Amino acid sequence: MSTQKRSERPEKITTQTVVEMKRNGEKISMLTAYDYTMAGIIDGAGVEVILVGDSASNVMAGHDTTIPMTMDHMIYHTSCVVRGVERALVIADLPFMSYQVTAKEALISAGRMMKEAGAHAVKLEGGKSICSTVQRIVDAGIPVMGHLGLTPQSIYKFGTYKVRAKEEQEADQLLEDAKALEEAGVFSIVLEKIPADLAKKVTDSVSVPTIGIGAGRQCDGQVLVIHDMLGLNKDFSPRFLRRYEDLHSKMTDAVTHYIKDVKSGDFPNVDEQYS
């Protein structure tokens, strides 16, 4: 039995917490994580929301797109993250083709993510076309986060990772999609790589929080991929990315130093061995 007193335990962030944060004008911090150790670090630092993104396909598995991720992959990564978290809200992406065919299949996928992985909510890409699916999942008691703008699972449809909704027609459609998702029951919406003015318009038009990535400062919160933010990935440098550390260089230096010490016989020394 844990000896930690109930009053000492961190207060859990819930979907209602982030909705209240928008109402109170408090910005929401969100980062990705894909494993137990990183999740524990991020959670301990105080981030409100952790996204187990299908971006694991890129940063963990080395694929060019998010398309190859399966439910089993996402359940594995999500379960690892959940075990490392005490306070943050953990949201898991439903991977490509786990929710697009039928609402029934989507509900089964969402249910697996909650039951097998322990996720607190799921995220789906798309607008009006998935609203009936979103409503089916929400009606079953599973919180849903929406995702509009650049939707990586549709990369072969768009053919590019450029900014979305720069033209008036697409911008109007995105705003309609956001309102439709709100009506369907989402508790928040990610806005990825869209003009800042449009992101502000969406944020002001819906009562649920918007989380931006490449969508300007007027969103209710922000999200970055942890590997990008920490500078572990040096090949990805979009305008919206702020690197808070250069861990790629620091880790390279540490490994180089280790190799040097092994080669020279300096590691292990007498204090690092058993008698």
C-alpha atoms as a PDB file:
ATOM      1  CA  MET A   1       0.000   0.000   0.000  1.00  0.00           C
ATOM      2  CA  SER A   2       1.257   3.489  -0.843  1.00  0.00           C
ATOM      3  CA  THR A   3       2.385   5.580   2.125  1.00  0.00           C
ATOM      4  CA  GLN A   4       1.695   8.811   0.229  1.00  0.00           C
ATOM      5  CA  LYS A   5      -1.147  10.750   1.802  1.00  0.00           C
ATOM      6  CA  ARG A   6      -4.136  11.462  -0.413  1.00  0.00           C
ATOM      7  CA  SER A   7      -3.649  15.224   0.069  1.00  0.00           C
ATOM      8  CA  GLU A   8      -0.067  14.931  -1.226  1.00  0.00           C
ATOM      9  CA  ARG A   9      -1.034  13.265  -4.475  1.00  0.00           C
ATOM     10  CA  PRO A  10      -1.059  15.555  -7.504  1.00  0.00           C
ATOM     11  CA  GLU A  11      -4.500  16.643  -8.641  1.00  0.00           C
ATOM     12  CA  LYS A  12      -5.410  14.788 -11.819  1.00  0.00           C
ATOM     13  CA  ILE A  13      -5.972  16.782 -14.983  1.00  0.00           C
ATOM     14  CA  THR A  14      -9.231  15.800 -16.665  1.00  0.00           C
ATOM     15  CA  THR A  15     -11.037  16.808 -19.827  1.00  0.00           C
ATOM     16  CA  GLN A  16     -13.128  19.152 -17.702  1.00  0.00           C
ATOM     17  CA  THR A  17      -9.960  20.710 -16.303  1.00  0.00           C
ATOM     18  CA  VAL A  18      -8.792  21.834 -19.731  1.00  0.00           C
ATOM     19  CA  VAL A  19     -12.252  23.139 -20.631  1.00  0.00           C
ATOM     20  CA  GLU A  20     -12.227  25.193 -17.419  1.00  0.00           C
ATOM     21  CA  MET A  21      -8.739  26.446 -18.269  1.00  0.00           C
ATOM     22  CA  LYS A  22     -10.097  27.959 -21.483  1.00  0.00           C
ATOM     23  CA  ARG A  23     -12.953  29.592 -19.583  1.00  0.00           C
ATOM     24  CA  ASN A  24     -10.474  31.035 -17.101  1.00  0.00           C
ATOM     25  CA  GLY A  25      -8.092  32.263 -19.793  1.00  0.00           C
ATOM     26  CA  GLU A  26      -5.297  29.922 -18.670  1.00  0.00           C
ATOM     27  CA  LYS A  27      -3.075  28.535 -21.421  1.00  0.00           C
ATOM     28  CA  ILE A  28      -2.806  24.744 -21.797  1.00  0.00           C
ATOM     29  CA  SER A  29       0.558  23.029 -22.250  1.00  0.00           C
ATOM     30  CA  MET A  30       0.687  19.773 -24.204  1.00  0.00           C
ATOM     31  CA  LEU A  31       3.589  17.604 -25.364  1.00  0.00           C
ATOM     32  CA  THR A  32       3.923  14.198 -26.962  1.00  0.00           C
ATOM     33  CA  ALA A  33       5.415  11.151 -25.271  1.00  0.00           C
ATOM     34  CA  TYR A  34       5.795   7.550 -26.375  1.00  0.00           C
ATOM     35  CA  ASP A  35       7.492   5.752 -23.464  1.00  0.00           C
ATOM     36  CA  TYR A  36       7.447   5.395 -19.680  1.00  0.00           C
ATOM     37  CA  THR A  37      10.613   7.346 -18.880  1.00  0.00           C
ATOM     38  CA  MET A  38       9.865  10.380 -21.045  1.00  0.00           C
ATOM     39  CA  ALA A  39       6.261  10.453 -19.833  1.00  0.00           C
ATOM     40  CA  GLY A  40       7.425  10.559 -16.226  1.00  0.00           C
ATOM     41  CA  ILE A  41       9.761  13.462 -16.913  1.00  0.00           C
ATOM     42  CA  ILE A  42       7.123  15.483 -18.759  1.00  0.00           C
ATOM     43  CA  ASP A  43       4.445  14.746 -16.173  1.00  0.00           C
ATOM     44  CA  GLY A  44       6.760  15.614 -13.304  1.00  0.00           C
ATOM     45  CA  ALA A  45       7.571  18.950 -14.936  1.00  0.00           C
ATOM     46  CA  GLY A  46       3.884  19.858 -14.792  1.00  0.00           C
ATOM     47  CA  VAL A  47       2.540  19.639 -18.343  1.00  0.00           C
ATOM     48  CA  GLU A  48      -1.249  19.400 -18.390  1.00  0.00           C
ATOM     49  CA  VAL A  49      -1.759  17.120 -21.391  1.00  0.00           C
ATOM     50  CA  ILE A  50       0.346  14.344 -22.898  1.00  0.00           C
ATOM     51  CA  LEU A  51      -0.447  13.183 -26.406  1.00  0.00           C
ATOM     52  CA  VAL A  52       0.624   9.708 -27.435  1.00  0.00           C
ATOM     53  CA  GLY A  53       0.737  10.670 -31.076  1.00  0.00           C
ATOM     54  CA  ASP A  54       0.873   8.456 -34.111  1.00  0.00           C
ATOM     55  CA  SER A  55       3.933  10.617 -34.789  1.00  0.00           C
ATOM     56  CA  ALA A  56       5.617   7.696 -33.023  1.00  0.00           C
ATOM     57  CA  SER A  57       5.688   6.314 -36.545  1.00  0.00           C
ATOM     58  CA  ASN A  58       8.206   9.016 -37.452  1.00  0.00           C
ATOM     59  CA  VAL A  59      10.244   9.658 -34.320  1.00  0.00           C
ATOM     60  CA  MET A  60      10.259   6.165 -32.799  1.00  0.00           C
ATOM     61  CA  ALA A  61      10.007   3.839 -35.805  1.00  0.00           C
ATOM     62  CA  GLY A  62      11.650   5.890 -38.561  1.00  0.00           C
ATOM     63  CA  HIS A  63       8.781   5.905 -41.056  1.00  0.00           C
ATOM     64  CA  ASP A  64       8.205   8.831 -43.411  1.00  0.00           C
ATOM     65  CA  THR A  65       4.496   9.128 -42.524  1.00  0.00           C
ATOM     66  CA  THR A  66       2.113   8.197 -39.722  1.00  0.00           C
ATOM     67  CA  ILE A  67       0.249   5.753 -41.958  1.00  0.00           C
ATOM     68  CA  PRO A  68       2.059   2.530 -40.858  1.00  0.00           C
ATOM     69  CA  MET A  69       0.965   2.795 -37.211  1.00  0.00           C
ATOM     70  CA  THR A  70      -1.482   0.107 -36.066  1.00  0.00           C
ATOM     71  CA  MET A  71      -3.788  -0.185 -33.087  1.00  0.00           C
ATOM     72  CA  ASP A  72      -1.378  -2.639 -31.466  1.00  0.00           C
ATOM     73  CA  HIS A  73       1.496  -0.154 -31.904  1.00  0.00           C
ATOM     74  CA  MET A  74      -0.532   2.682 -30.382  1.00  0.00           C
ATOM     75  CA  ILE A  75      -1.832   0.566 -27.515  1.00  0.00           C
ATOM     76  CA  TYR A  76       1.738  -0.449 -26.650  1.00  0.00           C
ATOM     77  CA  HIS A  77       3.075   3.123 -26.629  1.00  0.00           C
ATOM     78  CA  THR A  78       0.044   4.467 -24.776  1.00  0.00           C
ATOM     79  CA  SER A  79       0.212   1.840 -22.052  1.00  0.00           C
ATOM     80  CA  CYS A  80       3.901   2.676 -21.505  1.00  0.00           C
ATOM     81  CA  VAL A  81       3.069   6.375 -21.144  1.00  0.00           C
ATOM     82  CA  VAL A  82       0.114   5.815 -18.823  1.00  0.00           C
ATOM     83  CA  ARG A  83       2.321   3.862 -16.412  1.00  0.00           C
ATOM     84  CA  GLY A  84       4.675   6.840 -16.171  1.00  0.00           C
ATOM     85  CA  VAL A  85       2.013   9.476 -15.474  1.00  0.00           C
ATOM     86  CA  GLU A  86       0.477  10.574 -12.172  1.00  0.00           C
ATOM     87  CA  ARG A  87      -1.175  13.890 -13.044  1.00  0.00           C
ATOM     88  CA  ALA A  88      -1.413  14.705 -16.768  1.00  0.00           C
ATOM     89  CA  LEU A  89      -4.329  13.923 -19.057  1.00  0.00           C
ATOM     90  CA  VAL A  90      -3.191  11.228 -21.515  1.00  0.00           C
ATOM     91  CA  ILE A  91      -4.710  11.354 -24.996  1.00  0.00           C
ATOM     92  CA  ALA A  92      -3.989   8.715 -27.633  1.00  0.00           C
ATOM     93  CA  ASP A  93      -4.254   9.043 -31.395  1.00  0.00           C
ATOM     94  CA  LEU A  94      -6.450   6.516 -33.118  1.00  0.00           C
ATOM     95  CA  PRO A  95      -4.263   5.404 -36.044  1.00  0.00           C
ATOM     96  CA  PHE A  96      -5.087   5.473 -39.728  1.00  0.00           C
ATOM     97  CA  MET A  97      -7.982   3.191 -40.763  1.00  0.00           C
ATOM     98  CA  SER A  98      -8.923   2.339 -37.171  1.00  0.00           C
ATOM     99  CA  TYR A  99     -11.934   4.709 -37.257  1.00  0.00           C
ATOM    100  CA  GLN A 100     -12.589   5.767 -40.873  1.00  0.00           C
ATOM    101  CA  VAL A 101     -14.551   2.743 -42.117  1.00  0.00           C
ATOM    102  CA  THR A 102     -17.574   2.628 -39.790  1.00  0.00           C
ATOM    103  CA  ALA A 103     -18.643   4.271 -36.545  1.00  0.00           C
ATOM    104  CA  LYS A 104     -18.928   0.814 -34.990  1.00  0.00           C
ATOM    105  CA  GLU A 105     -15.314  -0.022 -35.823  1.00  0.00           C
ATOM    106  CA  ALA A 106     -14.240   3.376 -34.506  1.00  0.00           C
ATOM    107  CA  LEU A 107     -16.032   2.732 -31.218  1.00  0.00           C
ATOM    108  CA  ILE A 108     -14.320  -0.645 -30.885  1.00  0.00           C
ATOM    109  CA  SER A 109     -10.926   0.985 -31.543  1.00  0.00           C
ATOM    110  CA  ALA A 110     -11.578   3.736 -29.011  1.00  0.00           C
ATOM    111  CA  GLY A 111     -12.740   1.180 -26.478  1.00  0.00           C
ATOM    112  CA  ARG A 112      -9.565  -0.853 -26.911  1.00  0.00           C
ATOM    113  CA  MET A 113      -7.470   2.257 -26.382  1.00  0.00           C
ATOM    114  CA  MET A 114      -9.238   2.961 -23.106  1.00  0.00           C
ATOM    115  CA  LYS A 115      -9.432  -0.618 -21.799  1.00  0.00           C
ATOM    116  CA  GLU A 116      -6.134  -2.109 -22.993  1.00  0.00           C
ATOM    117  CA  ALA A 117      -3.908   0.984 -22.900  1.00  0.00           C
ATOM    118  CA  GLY A 118      -5.535   3.013 -20.129  1.00  0.00           C
ATOM    119  CA  ALA A 119      -5.849   6.203 -22.187  1.00  0.00           C
ATOM    120  CA  HIS A 120      -7.996   8.997 -20.782  1.00  0.00           C
ATOM    121  CA  ALA A 121      -9.226  10.164 -24.201  1.00  0.00           C
ATOM    122  CA  VAL A 122      -8.672   9.585 -27.915  1.00  0.00           C
ATOM    123  CA  LYS A 123      -7.907  11.926 -30.827  1.00  0.00           C
ATOM    124  CA  LEU A 124      -9.363  11.676 -34.333  1.00  0.00           C
ATOM    125  CA  GLU A 125      -8.496  13.640 -37.468  1.00  0.00           C
ATOM    126  CA  GLY A 126     -11.238  15.148 -39.628  1.00  0.00           C
ATOM    127  CA  GLY A 127     -14.239  17.455 -39.695  1.00  0.00           C
ATOM    128  CA  LYS A 128     -17.899  17.035 -40.580  1.00  0.00           C
ATOM    129  CA  SER A 129     -17.294  13.672 -42.238  1.00  0.00           C
ATOM    130  CA  ILE A 130     -16.401  12.067 -38.894  1.00  0.00           C
ATOM    131  CA  CYS A 131     -18.909  13.868 -36.665  1.00  0.00           C
ATOM    132  CA  SER A 132     -21.321  10.933 -36.479  1.00  0.00           C
ATOM    133  CA  THR A 133     -18.374   8.752 -35.473  1.00  0.00           C
ATOM    134  CA  VAL A 134     -17.275  11.248 -32.829  1.00  0.00           C
ATOM    135  CA  GLN A 135     -20.794  11.372 -31.410  1.00  0.00           C
ATOM    136  CA  ARG A 136     -20.976   7.564 -31.273  1.00  0.00           C
ATOM    137  CA  ILE A 137     -17.724   7.410 -29.305  1.00  0.00           C
ATOM    138  CA  VAL A 138     -18.665  10.278 -26.975  1.00  0.00           C
ATOM    139  CA  ASP A 139     -22.080   8.738 -26.335  1.00  0.00           C
ATOM    140  CA  ALA A 140     -20.265   5.625 -25.122  1.00  0.00           C
ATOM    141  CA  GLY A 141     -18.494   7.714 -22.475  1.00  0.00           C
ATOM    142  CA  ILE A 142     -15.140   8.107 -24.234  1.00  0.00           C
ATOM    143  CA  PRO A 143     -13.785  11.685 -24.488  1.00  0.00           C
ATOM    144  CA  VAL A 144     -12.678  12.761 -27.970  1.00  0.00           C
ATOM    145  CA  MET A 145     -10.227  15.422 -29.113  1.00  0.00           C
ATOM    146  CA  GLY A 146     -10.624  16.659 -32.694  1.00  0.00           C
ATOM    147  CA  HIS A 147      -7.871  17.566 -35.163  1.00  0.00           C
ATOM    148  CA  LEU A 148      -8.211  20.003 -38.073  1.00  0.00           C
ATOM    149  CA  GLY A 149      -5.937  21.765 -40.534  1.00  0.00           C
ATOM    150  CA  LEU A 150      -2.938  19.730 -41.590  1.00  0.00           C
ATOM    151  CA  THR A 151      -4.013  16.166 -40.835  1.00  0.00           C
ATOM    152  CA  PRO A 152      -0.973  13.894 -41.294  1.00  0.00           C
ATOM    153  CA  GLN A 153      -3.041  10.737 -41.858  1.00  0.00           C
ATOM    154  CA  SER A 154      -4.326  12.387 -45.051  1.00  0.00           C
ATOM    155  CA  ILE A 155      -0.889  13.261 -46.403  1.00  0.00           C
ATOM    156  CA  TYR A 156      -1.363  11.212 -49.575  1.00  0.00           C
ATOM    157  CA  LYS A 157      -4.586  13.115 -50.241  1.00  0.00           C
ATOM    158  CA  PHE A 158      -2.982  16.531 -49.738  1.00  0.00           C
ATOM    159  CA  GLY A 159       0.410  15.581 -51.170  1.00  0.00           C
ATOM    160  CA  THR A 160       2.200  18.190 -49.062  1.00  0.00           C
ATOM    161  CA  TYR A 161       2.867  19.313 -45.500  1.00  0.00           C
ATOM    162  CA  LYS A 162       2.344  22.979 -46.397  1.00  0.00           C
ATOM    163  CA  VAL A 163       0.080  25.341 -44.438  1.00  0.00           C
ATOM    164  CA  ARG A 164      -3.611  24.489 -44.820  1.00  0.00           C
ATOM    165  CA  ALA A 165      -6.693  26.729 -45.171  1.00  0.00           C
ATOM    166  CA  LYS A 166      -4.950  29.766 -46.629  1.00  0.00           C
ATOM    167  CA  GLU A 167      -7.703  30.124 -49.227  1.00  0.00           C
ATOM    168  CA  GLU A 168     -11.082  31.510 -48.172  1.00  0.00           C
ATOM    169  CA  GLN A 169     -13.113  28.433 -49.143  1.00  0.00           C
ATOM    170  CA  GLU A 170     -10.958  26.011 -47.156  1.00  0.00           C
ATOM    171  CA  ALA A 171     -10.803  28.439 -44.239  1.00  0.00           C
ATOM    172  CA  ASP A 172     -14.595  28.709 -44.137  1.00  0.00           C
ATOM    173  CA  GLN A 173     -14.871  24.922 -44.287  1.00  0.00           C
ATOM    174  CA  LEU A 174     -12.426  24.522 -41.407  1.00  0.00           C
ATOM    175  CA  LEU A 175     -14.445  26.905 -39.252  1.00  0.00           C
ATOM    176  CA  GLU A 176     -17.622  24.971 -40.058  1.00  0.00           C
ATOM    177  CA  ASP A 177     -15.832  21.714 -39.239  1.00  0.00           C
ATOM    178  CA  ALA A 178     -14.720  23.066 -35.864  1.00  0.00           C
ATOM    179  CA  LYS A 179     -18.269  24.066 -34.952  1.00  0.00           C
ATOM    180  CA  ALA A 180     -19.563  20.682 -36.126  1.00  0.00           C
ATOM    181  CA  LEU A 181     -16.986  18.850 -34.001  1.00  0.00           C
ATOM    182  CA  GLU A 182     -17.981  20.921 -30.975  1.00  0.00           C
ATOM    183  CA  GLU A 183     -21.616  20.021 -31.557  1.00  0.00           C
ATOM    184  CA  ALA A 184     -20.662  16.345 -31.923  1.00  0.00           C
ATOM    185  CA  GLY A 185     -19.150  16.459 -28.440  1.00  0.00           C
ATOM    186  CA  VAL A 186     -15.371  16.889 -28.654  1.00  0.00           C
ATOM    187  CA  PHE A 187     -13.783  18.419 -25.565  1.00  0.00           C
ATOM    188  CA  SER A 188     -10.973  20.126 -27.514  1.00  0.00           C
ATOM    189  CA  ILE A 189      -9.578  20.543 -31.025  1.00  0.00           C
ATOM    190  CA  VAL A 190      -5.995  20.500 -32.313  1.00  0.00           C
ATOM    191  CA  LEU A 191      -5.363  23.086 -35.029  1.00  0.00           C
ATOM    192  CA  GLU A 192      -2.285  22.186 -37.050  1.00  0.00           C
ATOM    193  CA  LYS A 193      -0.406  24.441 -39.438  1.00  0.00           C
ATOM    194  CA  ILE A 194      -3.086  26.976 -40.339  1.00  0.00           C
ATOM    195  CA  PRO A 195      -2.920  30.803 -40.537  1.00  0.00           C
ATOM    196  CA  ALA A 196      -2.850  32.468 -37.125  1.00  0.00           C
ATOM    197  CA  ASP A 197      -5.822  34.726 -37.921  1.00  0.00           C
ATOM    198  CA  LEU A 198      -7.960  31.708 -38.794  1.00  0.00           C
ATOM    199  CA  ALA A 199      -6.876  29.890 -35.637  1.00  0.00           C
ATOM    200  CA  LYS A 200      -7.957  32.909 -33.573  1.00  0.00           C
ATOM    201  CA  LYS A 201     -11.306  32.991 -35.356  1.00  0.00           C
ATOM    202  CA  VAL A 202     -11.874  29.302 -34.606  1.00  0.00           C
ATOM    203  CA  THR A 203     -10.751  29.725 -30.998  1.00  0.00           C
ATOM    204  CA  ASP A 204     -13.188  32.594 -30.501  1.00  0.00           C
ATOM    205  CA  SER A 205     -16.018  30.679 -32.197  1.00  0.00           C
ATOM    206  CA  VAL A 206     -16.016  27.484 -30.116  1.00  0.00           C
ATOM    207  CA  SER A 207     -16.409  26.932 -26.390  1.00  0.00           C
ATOM    208  CA  VAL A 208     -13.944  24.025 -26.278  1.00  0.00           C
ATOM    209  CA  PRO A 209     -10.179  24.609 -26.076  1.00  0.00           C
ATOM    210  CA  THR A 210      -8.058  24.799 -29.211  1.00  0.00           C
ATOM    211  CA  ILE A 211      -4.525  23.416 -29.097  1.00  0.00           C
ATOM    212  CA  GLY A 212      -2.221  24.855 -31.726  1.00  0.00           C
ATOM    213  CA  ILE A 213       0.809  23.516 -33.526  1.00  0.00           C
ATOM    214  CA  GLY A 214       1.921  25.995 -36.123  1.00  0.00           C
ATOM    215  CA  ALA A 215      -1.348  27.895 -35.618  1.00  0.00           C
ATOM    216  CA  GLY A 216      -0.200  31.028 -33.798  1.00  0.00           C
ATOM    217  CA  ARG A 217      -0.366  32.316 -30.255  1.00  0.00           C
ATOM    218  CA  GLN A 218      -4.121  32.889 -29.978  1.00  0.00           C
ATOM    219  CA  CYS A 219      -4.995  29.218 -29.488  1.00  0.00           C
ATOM    220  CA  ASP A 220      -5.949  28.144 -25.974  1.00  0.00           C
ATOM    221  CA  GLY A 221      -2.889  25.908 -25.751  1.00  0.00           C
ATOM    222  CA  GLN A 222       0.123  24.639 -27.635  1.00  0.00           C
ATOM    223  CA  VAL A 223       1.596  21.239 -28.471  1.00  0.00           C
ATOM    224  CA  LEU A 224       4.976  20.141 -29.799  1.00  0.00           C
ATOM    225  CA  VAL A 225       6.562  16.763 -30.459  1.00  0.00           C
ATOM    226  CA  ILE A 226       8.946  16.214 -27.543  1.00  0.00           C
ATOM    227  CA  HIS A 227      11.791  14.975 -29.758  1.00  0.00           C
ATOM    228  CA  ASP A 228      11.592  18.175 -31.808  1.00  0.00           C
ATOM    229  CA  MET A 229      11.280  20.478 -28.800  1.00  0.00           C
ATOM    230  CA  LEU A 230      14.315  18.934 -27.077  1.00  0.00           C
ATOM    231  CA  GLY A 231      16.443  19.030 -30.207  1.00  0.00           C
ATOM    232  CA  LEU A 232      16.778  15.267 -30.497  1.00  0.00           C
ATOM    233  CA  ASN A 233      15.692  15.563 -34.110  1.00  0.00           C
ATOM    234  CA  LYS A 234      17.968  17.923 -36.063  1.00  0.00           C
ATOM    235  CA  ASP A 235      16.460  17.326 -39.513  1.00  0.00           C
ATOM    236  CA  PHE A 236      13.048  18.894 -38.818  1.00  0.00           C
ATOM    237  CA  SER A 237      12.976  22.684 -38.664  1.00  0.00           C
ATOM    238  CA  PRO A 238       9.559  24.197 -39.469  1.00  0.00           C
ATOM    239  CA  ARG A 239       8.899  27.836 -38.614  1.00  0.00           C
ATOM    240  CA  PHE A 240       6.648  26.945 -35.675  1.00  0.00           C
ATOM    241  CA  LEU A 241       9.245  24.826 -33.858  1.00  0.00           C
ATOM    242  CA  ARG A 242      11.122  26.346 -30.930  1.00  0.00           C
ATOM    243  CA  ARG A 243      13.952  24.123 -29.718  1.00  0.00           C
ATOM    244  CA  TYR A 244      14.382  24.437 -25.966  1.00  0.00           C
ATOM    245  CA  GLU A 245      17.498  22.264 -25.848  1.00  0.00           C
ATOM    246  CA  ASP A 246      20.066  20.653 -28.141  1.00  0.00           C
ATOM    247  CA  LEU A 247      20.029  17.122 -26.768  1.00  0.00           C
ATOM    248  CA  HIS A 248      21.243  15.666 -30.060  1.00  0.00           C
ATOM    249  CA  SER A 249      24.618  17.374 -29.606  1.00  0.00           C
ATOM    250  CA  LYS A 250      24.756  16.718 -25.859  1.00  0.00           C
ATOM    251  CA  MET A 251      23.975  13.027 -26.262  1.00  0.00           C
ATOM    252  CA  THR A 252      26.469  12.686 -29.111  1.00  0.00           C
ATOM    253  CA  ASP A 253      29.157  14.278 -26.934  1.00  0.00           C
ATOM    254  CA  ALA A 254      28.313  11.971 -24.019  1.00  0.00           C
ATOM    255  CA  VAL A 255      28.463   8.832 -26.174  1.00  0.00           C
ATOM    256  CA  THR A 256      31.732   9.990 -27.759  1.00  0.00           C
ATOM    257  CA  HIS A 257      33.199  10.541 -24.283  1.00  0.00           C
ATOM    258  CA  TYR A 258      32.038   7.087 -23.179  1.00  0.00           C
ATOM    259  CA  ILE A 259      33.654   5.425 -26.190  1.00  0.00           C
ATOM    260  CA  LYS A 260      36.909   7.286 -25.519  1.00  0.00           C
ATOM    261  CA  ASP A 261      36.939   6.163 -21.867  1.00  0.00           C
ATOM    262  CA  VAL A 262      36.252   2.538 -22.799  1.00  0.00           C
ATOM    263  CA  LYS A 263      38.986   2.518 -25.446  1.00  0.00           C
ATOM    264  CA  SER A 264      41.534   4.088 -23.086  1.00  0.00           C
ATOM    265  CA  GLY A 265      40.697   1.763 -20.203  1.00  0.00           C
ATOM    266  CA  ASP A 266      39.584   4.656 -18.026  1.00  0.00           C
ATOM    267  CA  PHE A 267      36.086   3.170 -17.668  1.00  0.00           C
ATOM    268  CA  PRO A 268      35.437   1.444 -15.390  1.00  0.00           C
ATOM    269  CA  ASN A 269      37.887   2.747 -12.789  1.00  0.00           C
ATOM    270  CA  VAL A 270      38.613   1.120  -9.426  1.00  0.00           C
ATOM    271  CA  ASP A 271      35.668   2.862  -7.758  1.00  0.00           C
ATOM    272  CA  GLU A 272      33.311   1.447 -10.398  1.00  0.00           C
ATOM    273  CA  GLN A 273      34.151  -2.226  -9.898  1.00  0.00           C
ATOM    274  CA  TYR A 274      33.446  -4.846  -7.239  1.00  0.00           C
ATOM    275  CA  SER A 275      36.016  -6.629  -5.086  1.00  0.00           C
END
